[in-house]
Amino acid sequence: MVIRNTSTTVRSLLLNNLVAALIASAVMIVLHEGAHLVTGLALGHPSVLYSFGVNHLGSPSASDQVVMLLAGPAFSLVTGVLMQLWTPLRRRGDLLHLVWLWFAFASVQEGIAYLCLTPFGAGDTGQASQLLGLPVALQVVALALGVGGMFLNARAFAPHMARHAGEDPRRRNAMTLFPWLYGMILSVLLSVLYLAVSPADLPAASQVAILAAGTAILVFAPMSHIFSRRVADVPHEPLRLRSVPVGGLVVLALLVAGNILLSLGLRFG
């Protein structure tokens, strides 16, 4: 009986974290693209919003393009850091708290992942660097900052792993490794679906960047194991989770359906 109950707890922890991570990622991406959209509209450029990006119509100047490109990563970084610093749902210890955590860390990961793409001319920062004509040395610095930021993000997630999963390696993997692994697979498959149904004509580099983001957006979670020894003294705070997060699954299904429709394009301005 003890073994069966423990196994159920591990499965519940995995399922709730996976659902929370997928919900958080979906919402984060929409808000990230929304930052691009709002910036474009503020600069006077009509835009088409997709679930994976924004197409600014007309002929924006190079300076406007740079501002619009950097608005998304900047928004993700700022909101992510602020939400990491303030966790008002921690005492609830439920699915909503997990969604908050995953959103906060996925947002930071989104911003720093773009820095890693800078020297390759892909993604928001890569395209902006090309428009600005940044020297290769500065692009490499951006890459280094991105890699360092990934480790800092993982280090910041480690106390949450220790706090809510305890010292049991199975529970820690259920909150970190497997949500990333299964979440990565599902995120990439959903991105393929969104790109397949969309009429948007994206260059191959942009499509690769979109798919690559699905593999990296949650990687901070398994990376947090690197810092396990540094969080050995964090008190255990068990989560209060449902065995099956039915409400979360419904929300996730609605988000996927909404993203499929949004992949067809929604014009503003």
C-alpha atoms as a PDB file:
ATOM      1  CA  MET A   1       0.000   0.000   0.000  1.00  0.00           C
ATOM      2  CA  VAL A   2       2.760   2.445   0.819  1.00  0.00           C
ATOM      3  CA  ILE A   3       4.473   1.859  -2.502  1.00  0.00           C
ATOM      4  CA  ARG A   4       1.230   2.300  -4.432  1.00  0.00           C
ATOM      5  CA  ASN A   5       0.382   5.564  -2.663  1.00  0.00           C
ATOM      6  CA  THR A   6       3.869   6.939  -3.278  1.00  0.00           C
ATOM      7  CA  SER A   7       3.641   6.002  -6.949  1.00  0.00           C
ATOM      8  CA  THR A   8       0.306   7.746  -7.255  1.00  0.00           C
ATOM      9  CA  THR A   9       1.757  10.847  -5.640  1.00  0.00           C
ATOM     10  CA  VAL A  10       4.632  10.862  -8.106  1.00  0.00           C
ATOM     11  CA  ARG A  11       2.269  10.450 -11.064  1.00  0.00           C
ATOM     12  CA  SER A  12       0.037  13.230  -9.746  1.00  0.00           C
ATOM     13  CA  LEU A  13       3.043  15.527  -9.310  1.00  0.00           C
ATOM     14  CA  LEU A  14       4.170  14.776 -12.861  1.00  0.00           C
ATOM     15  CA  LEU A  15       0.738  15.231 -14.434  1.00  0.00           C
ATOM     16  CA  ASN A  16       0.012  18.485 -12.621  1.00  0.00           C
ATOM     17  CA  ASN A  17       3.424  19.938 -13.451  1.00  0.00           C
ATOM     18  CA  LEU A  18       3.143  18.862 -17.087  1.00  0.00           C
ATOM     19  CA  VAL A  19      -0.290  20.438 -17.469  1.00  0.00           C
ATOM     20  CA  ALA A  20       0.856  23.588 -15.636  1.00  0.00           C
ATOM     21  CA  ALA A  21       3.980  23.850 -17.816  1.00  0.00           C
ATOM     22  CA  LEU A  22       1.984  23.494 -21.045  1.00  0.00           C
ATOM     23  CA  ILE A  23      -0.621  26.037 -19.944  1.00  0.00           C
ATOM     24  CA  ALA A  24       2.068  28.477 -18.829  1.00  0.00           C
ATOM     25  CA  SER A  25       4.033  28.061 -22.055  1.00  0.00           C
ATOM     26  CA  ALA A  26       0.970  28.634 -24.228  1.00  0.00           C
ATOM     27  CA  VAL A  27      -0.072  31.765 -22.340  1.00  0.00           C
ATOM     28  CA  MET A  28       3.496  33.059 -22.224  1.00  0.00           C
ATOM     29  CA  ILE A  29       3.922  32.743 -25.991  1.00  0.00           C
ATOM     30  CA  VAL A  30       0.640  34.527 -26.709  1.00  0.00           C
ATOM     31  CA  LEU A  31       1.611  37.391 -24.383  1.00  0.00           C
ATOM     32  CA  HIS A  32       5.113  37.500 -25.861  1.00  0.00           C
ATOM     33  CA  GLU A  33       3.672  37.841 -29.352  1.00  0.00           C
ATOM     34  CA  GLY A  34       1.146  40.312 -27.959  1.00  0.00           C
ATOM     35  CA  ALA A  35       4.046  42.530 -26.902  1.00  0.00           C
ATOM     36  CA  HIS A  36       5.290  42.524 -30.494  1.00  0.00           C
ATOM     37  CA  LEU A  37       1.767  43.314 -31.692  1.00  0.00           C
ATOM     38  CA  VAL A  38       1.115  46.182 -29.277  1.00  0.00           C
ATOM     39  CA  THR A  39       4.508  47.726 -30.024  1.00  0.00           C
ATOM     40  CA  GLY A  40       3.840  47.562 -33.745  1.00  0.00           C
ATOM     41  CA  LEU A  41       0.428  49.150 -33.366  1.00  0.00           C
ATOM     42  CA  ALA A  42       1.896  51.860 -31.130  1.00  0.00           C
ATOM     43  CA  LEU A  43       4.381  52.680 -33.888  1.00  0.00           C
ATOM     44  CA  GLY A  44       1.558  52.871 -36.409  1.00  0.00           C
ATOM     45  CA  HIS A  45       2.026  49.542 -38.186  1.00  0.00           C
ATOM     46  CA  PRO A  46      -0.995  47.286 -38.847  1.00  0.00           C
ATOM     47  CA  SER A  47      -0.118  43.727 -37.903  1.00  0.00           C
ATOM     48  CA  VAL A  48      -1.352  40.158 -38.198  1.00  0.00           C
ATOM     49  CA  LEU A  49      -1.127  38.076 -35.029  1.00  0.00           C
ATOM     50  CA  TYR A  50      -0.455  34.349 -35.253  1.00  0.00           C
ATOM     51  CA  SER A  51      -0.059  31.851 -32.444  1.00  0.00           C
ATOM     52  CA  PHE A  52       3.682  31.694 -33.169  1.00  0.00           C
ATOM     53  CA  GLY A  53       4.506  35.206 -34.334  1.00  0.00           C
ATOM     54  CA  VAL A  54       3.446  38.585 -35.676  1.00  0.00           C
ATOM     55  CA  ASN A  55       3.603  39.881 -39.228  1.00  0.00           C
ATOM     56  CA  HIS A  56       3.948  43.664 -39.292  1.00  0.00           C
ATOM     57  CA  LEU A  57       2.431  44.966 -42.516  1.00  0.00           C
ATOM     58  CA  GLY A  58       3.704  47.767 -44.686  1.00  0.00           C
ATOM     59  CA  SER A  59       7.350  48.801 -44.766  1.00  0.00           C
ATOM     60  CA  PRO A  60       8.512  49.562 -41.211  1.00  0.00           C
ATOM     61  CA  SER A  61      11.825  51.359 -40.931  1.00  0.00           C
ATOM     62  CA  ALA A  62      14.830  49.441 -39.658  1.00  0.00           C
ATOM     63  CA  SER A  63      14.653  51.250 -36.314  1.00  0.00           C
ATOM     64  CA  ASP A  64      10.972  50.396 -35.922  1.00  0.00           C
ATOM     65  CA  GLN A  65      11.688  46.777 -36.766  1.00  0.00           C
ATOM     66  CA  VAL A  66      14.368  46.615 -34.097  1.00  0.00           C
ATOM     67  CA  VAL A  67      12.035  48.051 -31.464  1.00  0.00           C
ATOM     68  CA  MET A  68       9.242  45.660 -32.437  1.00  0.00           C
ATOM     69  CA  LEU A  69      11.594  42.668 -32.440  1.00  0.00           C
ATOM     70  CA  LEU A  70      13.084  43.416 -29.024  1.00  0.00           C
ATOM     71  CA  ALA A  71       9.727  44.209 -27.400  1.00  0.00           C
ATOM     72  CA  GLY A  72       8.867  40.514 -27.043  1.00  0.00           C
ATOM     73  CA  PRO A  73      12.048  39.301 -25.313  1.00  0.00           C
ATOM     74  CA  ALA A  74      12.126  42.402 -23.106  1.00  0.00           C
ATOM     75  CA  PHE A  75       8.519  41.850 -22.041  1.00  0.00           C
ATOM     76  CA  SER A  76       9.161  38.177 -21.298  1.00  0.00           C
ATOM     77  CA  LEU A  77      12.281  38.903 -19.256  1.00  0.00           C
ATOM     78  CA  VAL A  78      10.717  41.658 -17.161  1.00  0.00           C
ATOM     79  CA  THR A  79       7.458  39.854 -16.428  1.00  0.00           C
ATOM     80  CA  GLY A  80       9.295  36.603 -15.737  1.00  0.00           C
ATOM     81  CA  VAL A  81      11.731  38.124 -13.258  1.00  0.00           C
ATOM     82  CA  LEU A  82       8.976  40.023 -11.439  1.00  0.00           C
ATOM     83  CA  MET A  83       6.838  36.885 -11.153  1.00  0.00           C
ATOM     84  CA  GLN A  84       9.793  34.894  -9.871  1.00  0.00           C
ATOM     85  CA  LEU A  85      10.317  37.457  -7.143  1.00  0.00           C
ATOM     86  CA  TRP A  86       6.637  37.542  -6.153  1.00  0.00           C
ATOM     87  CA  THR A  87       4.808  34.233  -5.711  1.00  0.00           C
ATOM     88  CA  PRO A  88       1.429  35.146  -4.156  1.00  0.00           C
ATOM     89  CA  LEU A  89      -0.084  31.684  -4.717  1.00  0.00           C
ATOM     90  CA  ARG A  90       2.611  29.781  -2.855  1.00  0.00           C
ATOM     91  CA  ARG A  91       0.459  29.087   0.207  1.00  0.00           C
ATOM     92  CA  ARG A  92      -2.229  27.559  -1.993  1.00  0.00           C
ATOM     93  CA  GLY A  93       0.222  24.981  -3.257  1.00  0.00           C
ATOM     94  CA  ASP A  94      -2.144  23.960  -6.037  1.00  0.00           C
ATOM     95  CA  LEU A  95      -2.211  23.859  -9.836  1.00  0.00           C
ATOM     96  CA  LEU A  96      -2.564  27.649 -10.078  1.00  0.00           C
ATOM     97  CA  HIS A  97       0.631  28.073  -8.090  1.00  0.00           C
ATOM     98  CA  LEU A  98       2.412  25.703 -10.446  1.00  0.00           C
ATOM     99  CA  VAL A  99       1.111  27.602 -13.480  1.00  0.00           C
ATOM    100  CA  TRP A 100       2.473  30.819 -11.939  1.00  0.00           C
ATOM    101  CA  LEU A 101       5.895  29.244 -11.364  1.00  0.00           C
ATOM    102  CA  TRP A 102       6.168  27.703 -14.818  1.00  0.00           C
ATOM    103  CA  PHE A 103       5.005  30.922 -16.464  1.00  0.00           C
ATOM    104  CA  ALA A 104       7.580  32.975 -14.566  1.00  0.00           C
ATOM    105  CA  PHE A 105      10.515  30.728 -15.399  1.00  0.00           C
ATOM    106  CA  ALA A 106       9.404  29.983 -18.967  1.00  0.00           C
ATOM    107  CA  SER A 107       9.138  33.726 -19.585  1.00  0.00           C
ATOM    108  CA  VAL A 108      12.713  34.320 -18.459  1.00  0.00           C
ATOM    109  CA  GLN A 109      13.837  31.300 -20.470  1.00  0.00           C
ATOM    110  CA  GLU A 110      12.115  32.736 -23.548  1.00  0.00           C
ATOM    111  CA  GLY A 111      14.037  35.975 -23.264  1.00  0.00           C
ATOM    112  CA  ILE A 112      17.450  34.449 -22.642  1.00  0.00           C
ATOM    113  CA  ALA A 113      16.969  31.724 -25.271  1.00  0.00           C
ATOM    114  CA  TYR A 114      16.691  34.443 -27.904  1.00  0.00           C
ATOM    115  CA  LEU A 115      20.043  35.817 -26.746  1.00  0.00           C
ATOM    116  CA  CYS A 116      21.557  32.420 -27.517  1.00  0.00           C
ATOM    117  CA  LEU A 117      20.279  32.681 -31.099  1.00  0.00           C
ATOM    118  CA  THR A 118      21.776  36.119 -31.702  1.00  0.00           C
ATOM    119  CA  PRO A 119      24.979  35.093 -33.554  1.00  0.00           C
ATOM    120  CA  PHE A 120      22.953  32.841 -35.846  1.00  0.00           C
ATOM    121  CA  GLY A 121      20.705  35.644 -37.117  1.00  0.00           C
ATOM    122  CA  ALA A 122      17.587  33.761 -35.998  1.00  0.00           C
ATOM    123  CA  GLY A 123      14.833  34.776 -33.630  1.00  0.00           C
ATOM    124  CA  ASP A 124      14.015  38.234 -32.356  1.00  0.00           C
ATOM    125  CA  THR A 125      17.477  39.217 -31.140  1.00  0.00           C
ATOM    126  CA  GLY A 126      19.237  37.604 -34.094  1.00  0.00           C
ATOM    127  CA  GLN A 127      17.169  39.557 -36.600  1.00  0.00           C
ATOM    128  CA  ALA A 128      17.572  42.757 -34.558  1.00  0.00           C
ATOM    129  CA  SER A 129      21.352  42.304 -34.460  1.00  0.00           C
ATOM    130  CA  GLN A 130      21.428  41.938 -38.228  1.00  0.00           C
ATOM    131  CA  LEU A 131      19.408  45.116 -38.686  1.00  0.00           C
ATOM    132  CA  LEU A 132      21.674  46.980 -36.264  1.00  0.00           C
ATOM    133  CA  GLY A 133      24.807  45.583 -37.849  1.00  0.00           C
ATOM    134  CA  LEU A 134      26.211  44.444 -34.507  1.00  0.00           C
ATOM    135  CA  PRO A 135      29.827  43.254 -34.610  1.00  0.00           C
ATOM    136  CA  VAL A 136      30.300  39.506 -34.294  1.00  0.00           C
ATOM    137  CA  ALA A 137      32.036  40.025 -30.955  1.00  0.00           C
ATOM    138  CA  LEU A 138      28.925  41.631 -29.460  1.00  0.00           C
ATOM    139  CA  GLN A 139      26.759  38.867 -30.873  1.00  0.00           C
ATOM    140  CA  VAL A 140      28.985  36.314 -29.150  1.00  0.00           C
ATOM    141  CA  VAL A 141      28.653  38.309 -25.917  1.00  0.00           C
ATOM    142  CA  ALA A 142      24.866  38.047 -26.282  1.00  0.00           C
ATOM    143  CA  LEU A 143      25.252  34.283 -26.701  1.00  0.00           C
ATOM    144  CA  ALA A 144      27.402  34.093 -23.567  1.00  0.00           C
ATOM    145  CA  LEU A 145      24.868  36.130 -21.608  1.00  0.00           C
ATOM    146  CA  GLY A 146      22.117  33.815 -22.817  1.00  0.00           C
ATOM    147  CA  VAL A 147      23.966  30.681 -21.749  1.00  0.00           C
ATOM    148  CA  GLY A 148      24.805  32.233 -18.373  1.00  0.00           C
ATOM    149  CA  GLY A 149      21.195  33.314 -17.989  1.00  0.00           C
ATOM    150  CA  MET A 150      20.003  29.751 -18.554  1.00  0.00           C
ATOM    151  CA  PHE A 151      22.092  28.550 -15.616  1.00  0.00           C
ATOM    152  CA  LEU A 152      20.898  31.434 -13.431  1.00  0.00           C
ATOM    153  CA  ASN A 153      17.292  30.630 -14.312  1.00  0.00           C
ATOM    154  CA  ALA A 154      17.856  26.981 -13.431  1.00  0.00           C
ATOM    155  CA  ARG A 155      19.523  28.017 -10.175  1.00  0.00           C
ATOM    156  CA  ALA A 156      16.490  30.130  -9.294  1.00  0.00           C
ATOM    157  CA  PHE A 157      14.136  27.204 -10.003  1.00  0.00           C
ATOM    158  CA  ALA A 158      16.092  24.778  -7.804  1.00  0.00           C
ATOM    159  CA  PRO A 159      14.617  25.988  -4.469  1.00  0.00           C
ATOM    160  CA  HIS A 160      11.090  25.473  -5.822  1.00  0.00           C
ATOM    161  CA  MET A 161      12.018  21.950  -6.870  1.00  0.00           C
ATOM    162  CA  ALA A 162      13.410  21.206  -3.409  1.00  0.00           C
ATOM    163  CA  ARG A 163      10.519  22.912  -1.640  1.00  0.00           C
ATOM    164  CA  HIS A 164       7.720  21.105  -3.444  1.00  0.00           C
ATOM    165  CA  ALA A 165       9.318  17.812  -4.455  1.00  0.00           C
ATOM    166  CA  GLY A 166      11.399  17.127  -1.359  1.00  0.00           C
ATOM    167  CA  GLU A 167      14.544  14.999  -1.495  1.00  0.00           C
ATOM    168  CA  ASP A 168      13.026  12.000  -3.283  1.00  0.00           C
ATOM    169  CA  PRO A 169      14.717  11.785  -6.736  1.00  0.00           C
ATOM    170  CA  ARG A 170      11.529  10.369  -8.256  1.00  0.00           C
ATOM    171  CA  ARG A 171       9.472  13.352  -7.120  1.00  0.00           C
ATOM    172  CA  ARG A 172      12.172  15.762  -8.252  1.00  0.00           C
ATOM    173  CA  ASN A 173      12.197  14.177 -11.701  1.00  0.00           C
ATOM    174  CA  ALA A 174       8.403  14.296 -11.735  1.00  0.00           C
ATOM    175  CA  MET A 175       8.610  18.065 -11.254  1.00  0.00           C
ATOM    176  CA  THR A 176      11.551  18.758 -13.539  1.00  0.00           C
ATOM    177  CA  LEU A 177      12.876  16.153 -15.967  1.00  0.00           C
ATOM    178  CA  PHE A 178       9.668  14.552 -17.204  1.00  0.00           C
ATOM    179  CA  PRO A 179       7.580  17.744 -17.545  1.00  0.00           C
ATOM    180  CA  TRP A 180      10.411  19.078 -19.724  1.00  0.00           C
ATOM    181  CA  LEU A 181      10.730  15.853 -21.733  1.00  0.00           C
ATOM    182  CA  TYR A 182       7.019  15.293 -22.366  1.00  0.00           C
ATOM    183  CA  GLY A 183       6.358  19.019 -22.594  1.00  0.00           C
ATOM    184  CA  MET A 184       9.106  19.388 -25.206  1.00  0.00           C
ATOM    185  CA  ILE A 185       7.626  16.640 -27.358  1.00  0.00           C
ATOM    186  CA  LEU A 186       4.101  18.024 -27.127  1.00  0.00           C
ATOM    187  CA  SER A 187       5.237  21.617 -27.692  1.00  0.00           C
ATOM    188  CA  VAL A 188       7.137  20.713 -30.858  1.00  0.00           C
ATOM    189  CA  LEU A 189       4.231  18.655 -32.196  1.00  0.00           C
ATOM    190  CA  LEU A 190       1.800  21.502 -31.520  1.00  0.00           C
ATOM    191  CA  SER A 191       4.140  23.970 -33.218  1.00  0.00           C
ATOM    192  CA  VAL A 192       4.233  21.704 -36.266  1.00  0.00           C
ATOM    193  CA  LEU A 193       0.440  21.664 -36.260  1.00  0.00           C
ATOM    194  CA  TYR A 194       0.164  25.451 -35.938  1.00  0.00           C
ATOM    195  CA  LEU A 195       2.656  25.996 -38.755  1.00  0.00           C
ATOM    196  CA  ALA A 196       0.910  23.416 -40.949  1.00  0.00           C
ATOM    197  CA  VAL A 197      -2.531  25.051 -40.725  1.00  0.00           C
ATOM    198  CA  SER A 198      -1.243  28.627 -40.966  1.00  0.00           C
ATOM    199  CA  PRO A 199      -1.289  30.528 -44.274  1.00  0.00           C
ATOM    200  CA  ALA A 200       1.733  32.561 -43.113  1.00  0.00           C
ATOM    201  CA  ASP A 201       4.719  32.329 -45.443  1.00  0.00           C
ATOM    202  CA  LEU A 202       7.640  31.928 -43.050  1.00  0.00           C
ATOM    203  CA  PRO A 203      11.275  31.493 -44.089  1.00  0.00           C
ATOM    204  CA  ALA A 204      12.902  28.210 -43.112  1.00  0.00           C
ATOM    205  CA  ALA A 205      15.081  29.912 -40.467  1.00  0.00           C
ATOM    206  CA  SER A 206      12.009  31.278 -38.683  1.00  0.00           C
ATOM    207  CA  GLN A 207      10.312  27.884 -38.718  1.00  0.00           C
ATOM    208  CA  VAL A 208      13.414  26.238 -37.275  1.00  0.00           C
ATOM    209  CA  ALA A 209      13.584  28.898 -34.550  1.00  0.00           C
ATOM    210  CA  ILE A 210       9.936  28.284 -33.635  1.00  0.00           C
ATOM    211  CA  LEU A 211      10.474  24.530 -33.392  1.00  0.00           C
ATOM    212  CA  ALA A 212      13.742  24.963 -31.501  1.00  0.00           C
ATOM    213  CA  ALA A 213      11.978  27.137 -28.935  1.00  0.00           C
ATOM    214  CA  GLY A 214       9.742  24.201 -28.079  1.00  0.00           C
ATOM    215  CA  THR A 215      12.775  22.155 -27.057  1.00  0.00           C
ATOM    216  CA  ALA A 216      14.363  24.877 -24.916  1.00  0.00           C
ATOM    217  CA  ILE A 217      11.525  26.727 -23.251  1.00  0.00           C
ATOM    218  CA  LEU A 218      11.310  24.344 -20.249  1.00  0.00           C
ATOM    219  CA  VAL A 219      14.932  23.191 -20.074  1.00  0.00           C
ATOM    220  CA  PHE A 220      15.581  25.192 -16.908  1.00  0.00           C
ATOM    221  CA  ALA A 221      13.659  22.525 -14.979  1.00  0.00           C
ATOM    222  CA  PRO A 222      15.990  19.537 -15.492  1.00  0.00           C
ATOM    223  CA  MET A 223      18.970  21.907 -15.335  1.00  0.00           C
ATOM    224  CA  SER A 224      17.951  22.781 -11.781  1.00  0.00           C
ATOM    225  CA  HIS A 225      19.332  19.377 -10.663  1.00  0.00           C
ATOM    226  CA  ILE A 226      22.807  20.846 -11.161  1.00  0.00           C
ATOM    227  CA  PHE A 227      22.174  22.962  -8.072  1.00  0.00           C
ATOM    228  CA  SER A 228      20.641  20.256  -5.867  1.00  0.00           C
ATOM    229  CA  ARG A 229      23.370  20.533  -3.236  1.00  0.00           C
ATOM    230  CA  ARG A 230      22.821  24.273  -2.920  1.00  0.00           C
ATOM    231  CA  VAL A 231      19.183  23.762  -1.884  1.00  0.00           C
ATOM    232  CA  ALA A 232      19.669  20.885   0.521  1.00  0.00           C
ATOM    233  CA  ASP A 233      18.380  22.979   3.448  1.00  0.00           C
ATOM    234  CA  VAL A 234      15.181  24.228   1.800  1.00  0.00           C
ATOM    235  CA  PRO A 235      12.179  23.150   3.948  1.00  0.00           C
ATOM    236  CA  HIS A 236       9.751  20.770   2.279  1.00  0.00           C
ATOM    237  CA  GLU A 237       6.341  22.250   1.457  1.00  0.00           C
ATOM    238  CA  PRO A 238       4.152  19.526  -0.077  1.00  0.00           C
ATOM    239  CA  LEU A 239       1.757  20.611  -2.790  1.00  0.00           C
ATOM    240  CA  ARG A 240      -1.990  20.059  -2.559  1.00  0.00           C
ATOM    241  CA  LEU A 241      -2.854  18.661  -5.956  1.00  0.00           C
ATOM    242  CA  ARG A 242      -5.705  16.715  -7.496  1.00  0.00           C
ATOM    243  CA  SER A 243      -4.825  13.302  -8.853  1.00  0.00           C
ATOM    244  CA  VAL A 244      -6.064  14.438 -12.267  1.00  0.00           C
ATOM    245  CA  PRO A 245      -6.182  18.212 -12.906  1.00  0.00           C
ATOM    246  CA  VAL A 246      -9.427  18.129 -14.874  1.00  0.00           C
ATOM    247  CA  GLY A 247      -9.831  21.904 -14.860  1.00  0.00           C
ATOM    248  CA  GLY A 248      -6.275  22.348 -16.068  1.00  0.00           C
ATOM    249  CA  LEU A 249      -6.788  19.853 -18.889  1.00  0.00           C
ATOM    250  CA  VAL A 250      -9.914  21.730 -20.002  1.00  0.00           C
ATOM    251  CA  VAL A 251      -8.028  25.042 -20.004  1.00  0.00           C
ATOM    252  CA  LEU A 252      -5.182  23.436 -21.949  1.00  0.00           C
ATOM    253  CA  ALA A 253      -7.575  22.056 -24.549  1.00  0.00           C
ATOM    254  CA  LEU A 254      -9.162  25.491 -24.963  1.00  0.00           C
ATOM    255  CA  LEU A 255      -5.728  27.097 -25.379  1.00  0.00           C
ATOM    256  CA  VAL A 256      -4.757  24.591 -28.064  1.00  0.00           C
ATOM    257  CA  ALA A 257      -8.043  25.156 -29.905  1.00  0.00           C
ATOM    258  CA  GLY A 258      -7.566  28.909 -29.637  1.00  0.00           C
ATOM    259  CA  ASN A 259      -4.023  28.670 -30.977  1.00  0.00           C
ATOM    260  CA  ILE A 260      -5.188  26.599 -33.950  1.00  0.00           C
ATOM    261  CA  LEU A 261      -7.666  29.351 -34.830  1.00  0.00           C
ATOM    262  CA  LEU A 262      -5.074  32.048 -34.169  1.00  0.00           C
ATOM    263  CA  SER A 263      -2.665  30.272 -36.511  1.00  0.00           C
ATOM    264  CA  LEU A 264      -4.984  31.354 -39.340  1.00  0.00           C
ATOM    265  CA  GLY A 265      -4.087  34.974 -38.539  1.00  0.00           C
ATOM    266  CA  LEU A 266      -5.898  37.832 -36.828  1.00  0.00           C
ATOM    267  CA  ARG A 267      -5.367  41.305 -38.243  1.00  0.00           C
ATOM    268  CA  PHE A 268      -5.168  44.431 -36.083  1.00  0.00           C
ATOM    269  CA  GLY A 269      -4.999  48.030 -37.253  1.00  0.00           C
END
